[in-house]
């Protein structure tokens, strides 16, 4: 569990206001931006003898320029074997059939109902060509539900106006990144909302001053 404390709200807010902030942090307005900023639309995994492990931020290959033509390919494991620094083998099974291809890096690949490209990451080393991997294109609904189910937001200290954000995941780096990004986006959105509120107040005061000036002239 990764926990971040110290998300401060303005000191003139009471506990009821803090509850509203908790709901705002867990809202899709925040979570959709977390998905976009952290590229959670594609997940990378290493196959193990007993358990598979997610390679968040440490995958030896990167999927890019993808296009989903058939929604059945969302959340579907696509297997990949890195053969060498020039080529790889990719396969996917769907509707009882398996498609298997040997391709070059940075080549446009059409695999059933999806097209994409794969490049070798700079972190790839000799060990990268030993293991078997798979990746998944995560649908937006799947990713948002994943964030909602594992994100924990609560009031850590009502008097100090401190909100606690925690996230539960097997991958420590991923959990830390999600907590930090949620905090960052929340702060930005809070400033934007405050700026908008201030702008509206200024416009209202300017209008009042204009009306007051007109009254004085009359």
Protein backbone atom coordinates (compact mmCIF):
# COMPACT_ATOMS: atom_id res chain seq x y z
CA UNK A 1 0.00 0.00 0.00
CA UNK A 2 1.44 3.36 -1.02
CA UNK A 3 0.28 6.29 1.13
CA UNK A 4 0.72 10.00 0.59
CA UNK A 5 -0.09 12.39 3.42
CA UNK A 6 -0.18 16.15 3.41
CA UNK A 7 -2.61 17.08 0.66
CA UNK A 8 -3.60 20.38 2.24
CA UNK A 9 -6.81 22.30 1.71
CA UNK A 10 -7.31 25.98 2.58
CA UNK A 11 -7.52 26.42 6.37
CA UNK A 12 -10.92 28.09 6.31
CA UNK A 13 -12.58 24.90 5.14
CA UNK A 14 -14.50 22.78 7.62
CA UNK A 15 -14.91 19.01 7.75
CA UNK A 16 -17.95 19.10 5.49
CA UNK A 17 -15.91 20.91 2.85
CA UNK A 18 -13.21 18.25 3.22
CA UNK A 19 -15.73 15.51 2.49
CA UNK A 20 -16.52 17.32 -0.75
CA UNK A 21 -12.80 17.38 -1.56
CA UNK A 22 -12.62 13.61 -1.02
CA UNK A 23 -15.39 13.06 -3.56
CA UNK A 24 -13.68 15.44 -5.98
CA UNK A 25 -10.39 13.51 -5.74
CA UNK A 26 -12.21 10.23 -6.50
CA UNK A 27 -14.20 11.75 -9.38
CA UNK A 28 -13.69 10.81 -13.02
CA UNK A 29 -12.52 14.37 -13.71
CA UNK A 30 -9.36 13.55 -11.75
CA UNK A 31 -9.06 9.85 -12.58
CA UNK A 32 -9.34 10.29 -16.34
CA UNK A 33 -6.37 12.63 -16.29
CA UNK A 34 -4.43 10.16 -14.15
CA UNK A 35 -5.02 7.52 -16.84
CA UNK A 36 -3.83 9.87 -19.59
CA UNK A 37 -0.75 11.15 -17.76
CA UNK A 38 0.49 7.71 -16.69
CA UNK A 39 -0.31 5.83 -19.93
CA UNK A 40 -2.37 3.24 -18.09
CA UNK A 41 -4.12 2.30 -21.33
CA UNK A 42 -1.44 -0.35 -22.01
CA UNK A 43 -0.12 -2.71 -19.33
CA UNK A 44 2.98 -4.92 -19.63
CA UNK A 45 3.47 -8.29 -17.91
CA UNK A 46 6.16 -10.95 -17.54
CA UNK A 47 4.98 -14.56 -17.47
CA UNK A 48 6.14 -16.56 -14.47
CA UNK A 49 6.04 -20.24 -13.53
CA UNK A 50 3.53 -19.54 -10.76
CA UNK A 51 2.60 -15.85 -10.85
CA UNK A 52 2.80 -13.22 -13.56
CA UNK A 53 4.22 -9.80 -12.71
CA UNK A 54 3.35 -6.40 -14.10
CA UNK A 55 6.29 -4.46 -15.51
CA UNK A 56 5.13 -0.92 -14.86
CA UNK A 57 7.89 1.43 -15.98
CA UNK A 58 10.31 -1.46 -16.52
CA UNK A 59 9.11 -3.24 -19.67
CA UNK A 60 11.90 -4.04 -22.18
CA UNK A 61 9.53 -3.17 -25.04
CA UNK A 62 7.02 -0.40 -25.67
CA UNK A 63 3.72 -0.53 -27.59
CA UNK A 64 2.76 2.62 -29.49
CA UNK A 65 0.65 3.98 -32.37
CA UNK A 66 -2.09 1.46 -31.66
CA UNK A 67 -5.64 1.43 -32.97
CA UNK A 68 -8.40 -0.86 -31.70
CA UNK A 69 -10.79 -1.86 -34.49
CA UNK A 70 -12.51 -4.69 -32.62
CA UNK A 71 -13.43 -4.02 -28.98
CA UNK A 72 -13.00 -7.74 -28.21
CA UNK A 73 -9.26 -7.01 -28.19
CA UNK A 74 -9.52 -4.75 -25.16
CA UNK A 75 -8.25 -6.42 -21.95
CA UNK A 76 -7.07 -9.41 -24.02
CA UNK A 77 -3.51 -10.71 -23.34
CA UNK A 78 -1.27 -10.43 -26.42
CA UNK A 79 1.78 -12.67 -26.06
CA UNK A 80 5.22 -11.53 -27.13
CA UNK A 81 8.64 -13.17 -27.26
CA UNK A 82 11.64 -10.93 -27.91
CA UNK A 83 13.82 -12.98 -30.27
CA UNK A 84 16.71 -10.52 -30.66
CA UNK A 85 17.33 -6.81 -31.19
CA UNK A 86 15.82 -6.93 -34.66
CA UNK A 87 12.68 -9.03 -34.35
CA UNK A 88 10.08 -10.53 -32.01
CA UNK A 89 7.26 -13.04 -32.10
CA UNK A 90 3.71 -11.97 -31.24
CA UNK A 91 0.55 -14.04 -30.88
CA UNK A 92 -3.01 -13.66 -29.69
CA UNK A 93 -5.89 -16.07 -29.22
CA UNK A 94 -9.47 -14.90 -29.65
CA UNK A 95 -12.74 -16.68 -30.44
CA UNK A 96 -11.02 -20.08 -30.40
CA UNK A 97 -8.30 -19.23 -32.95
CA UNK A 98 -4.70 -18.09 -32.53
CA UNK A 99 -2.85 -15.59 -34.73
CA UNK A 100 0.93 -15.74 -34.61
CA UNK A 101 3.49 -13.56 -36.42
CA UNK A 102 7.20 -12.78 -36.46
CA UNK A 103 7.77 -9.05 -36.91
CA UNK A 104 10.44 -6.37 -36.84
CA UNK A 105 10.51 -3.55 -34.34
CA UNK A 106 8.80 -0.29 -35.37
CA UNK A 107 6.84 -2.19 -38.01
CA UNK A 108 3.08 -1.66 -38.26
CA UNK A 109 1.44 -4.90 -37.13
CA UNK A 110 -2.11 -5.96 -37.81
CA UNK A 111 -3.21 -8.70 -35.45
CA UNK A 112 -6.85 -9.56 -35.87
CA UNK A 113 -8.84 -6.53 -34.74
CA UNK A 114 -5.96 -4.32 -33.64
CA UNK A 115 -2.97 -2.56 -35.24
CA UNK A 116 0.10 -1.35 -33.34
CA UNK A 117 3.87 -0.91 -33.37
CA UNK A 118 6.47 -2.18 -30.91
CA UNK A 119 9.88 -0.76 -30.17
CA UNK A 120 12.67 -2.10 -28.02
CA UNK A 121 13.20 -0.02 -24.87
CA UNK A 122 16.63 1.29 -23.96
CA UNK A 123 16.49 -0.72 -20.73
CA UNK A 124 16.35 -4.02 -22.68
CA UNK A 125 19.36 -6.23 -21.90
CA UNK A 126 20.40 -9.83 -22.60
CA UNK A 127 18.00 -11.14 -19.95
CA UNK A 128 15.09 -9.55 -21.80
CA UNK A 129 15.35 -12.15 -24.57
CA UNK A 130 14.93 -15.08 -22.17
CA UNK A 131 11.50 -14.38 -20.70
CA UNK A 132 8.03 -14.49 -22.19
CA UNK A 133 5.81 -11.45 -21.94
CA UNK A 134 2.33 -10.24 -22.73
CA UNK A 135 0.61 -6.88 -22.85
CA UNK A 136 -2.99 -5.71 -22.75
CA UNK A 137 -4.89 -2.78 -24.17
CA UNK A 138 -7.00 -1.71 -21.21
CA UNK A 139 -10.39 -0.22 -21.95
CA UNK A 140 -11.18 3.10 -20.30
CA UNK A 141 -13.99 1.56 -18.24
CA UNK A 142 -11.67 -1.19 -16.99
CA UNK A 143 -8.94 1.29 -16.03
CA UNK A 144 -11.30 3.70 -14.29
CA UNK A 145 -12.87 0.86 -12.28
CA UNK A 146 -9.40 -0.35 -11.33
CA UNK A 147 -8.51 3.11 -10.01
CA UNK A 148 -11.81 3.53 -8.16
CA UNK A 149 -11.54 0.13 -6.48
CA UNK A 150 -7.96 0.61 -5.28
CA UNK A 151 -7.83 4.33 -4.50
CA UNK A 152 -8.45 5.16 -0.84
CA UNK A 153 -9.06 8.77 0.15
CA UNK A 154 -9.82 9.87 3.69
CA UNK A 155 -9.45 12.65 6.23
CA UNK A 156 -6.22 12.03 8.14
CA UNK A 157 -6.46 15.07 10.41
CA UNK A 158 -9.63 17.20 10.38
CA UNK A 159 -8.10 19.99 12.49
CA UNK A 160 -5.04 20.35 10.25
CA UNK A 161 -7.19 19.94 7.11
CA UNK A 162 -5.05 17.00 5.90
CA UNK A 163 -6.35 14.53 3.34
CA UNK A 164 -4.72 11.10 3.03
CA UNK A 165 -4.46 9.41 -0.36
CA UNK A 166 -3.53 5.72 -0.57
CA UNK A 167 -3.45 3.18 -3.39
CA UNK A 168 -3.23 -0.60 -3.22
CA UNK A 169 -1.41 -2.56 -5.92
CA UNK A 170 1.07 -5.44 -6.19
CA UNK A 171 3.47 -3.18 -8.11
CA UNK A 172 5.04 -0.65 -5.76
CA UNK A 173 6.26 1.70 -8.50
CA UNK A 174 2.82 1.83 -10.10
CA UNK A 175 1.09 2.53 -6.78
CA UNK A 176 3.54 5.35 -5.99
CA UNK A 177 3.09 6.88 -9.45
CA UNK A 178 -0.71 6.81 -9.18
CA UNK A 179 -0.71 8.43 -5.73
CA UNK A 180 1.73 11.15 -6.81
CA UNK A 181 -0.14 11.86 -10.05
CA UNK A 182 -3.51 11.97 -8.28
CA UNK A 183 -2.09 14.50 -5.84
CA UNK A 184 -0.60 16.62 -8.65
CA UNK A 185 -3.77 16.70 -10.73
CA UNK A 186 -5.91 17.45 -7.66
CA UNK A 187 -3.73 20.42 -6.78
CA UNK A 188 -3.87 21.74 -10.35
CA UNK A 189 -7.65 21.32 -10.57
CA UNK A 190 -8.10 22.98 -7.18
CA UNK A 191 -6.07 26.00 -8.32
CA UNK A 192 -8.04 26.17 -11.58
CA UNK A 193 -11.33 26.05 -9.67
CA UNK A 194 -10.14 28.72 -7.25
CA UNK A 195 -8.95 30.92 -10.12
CA UNK A 196 -12.31 30.56 -11.85
CA UNK A 197 -14.10 31.41 -8.60
CA UNK A 198 -11.89 34.47 -8.08
CA UNK A 199 -12.49 35.57 -11.66
CA UNK A 200 -16.23 35.35 -11.18
CA UNK A 201 -16.01 37.28 -7.91
CA UNK A 202 -13.92 40.01 -9.56
CA UNK A 203 -16.37 40.27 -12.45
CA UNK A 204 -19.22 40.53 -9.95
CA UNK A 205 -17.43 43.23 -7.91
CA UNK A 206 -16.57 45.20 -11.05
CA UNK A 207 -20.20 45.10 -12.08
CA UNK A 208 -21.24 46.24 -8.60
CA UNK A 209 -18.72 49.10 -8.72
CA UNK A 210 -20.03 50.16 -12.11
CA UNK A 211 -23.60 50.18 -10.82
CA UNK A 212 -22.50 52.07 -7.68
CA UNK A 213 -20.66 54.64 -9.79
CA UNK A 214 -23.71 55.11 -12.01
CA UNK A 215 -25.86 55.66 -8.90
CA UNK A 216 -23.45 58.26 -7.55
CA UNK A 217 -23.42 60.15 -10.84
CA UNK A 218 -27.19 60.20 -10.87
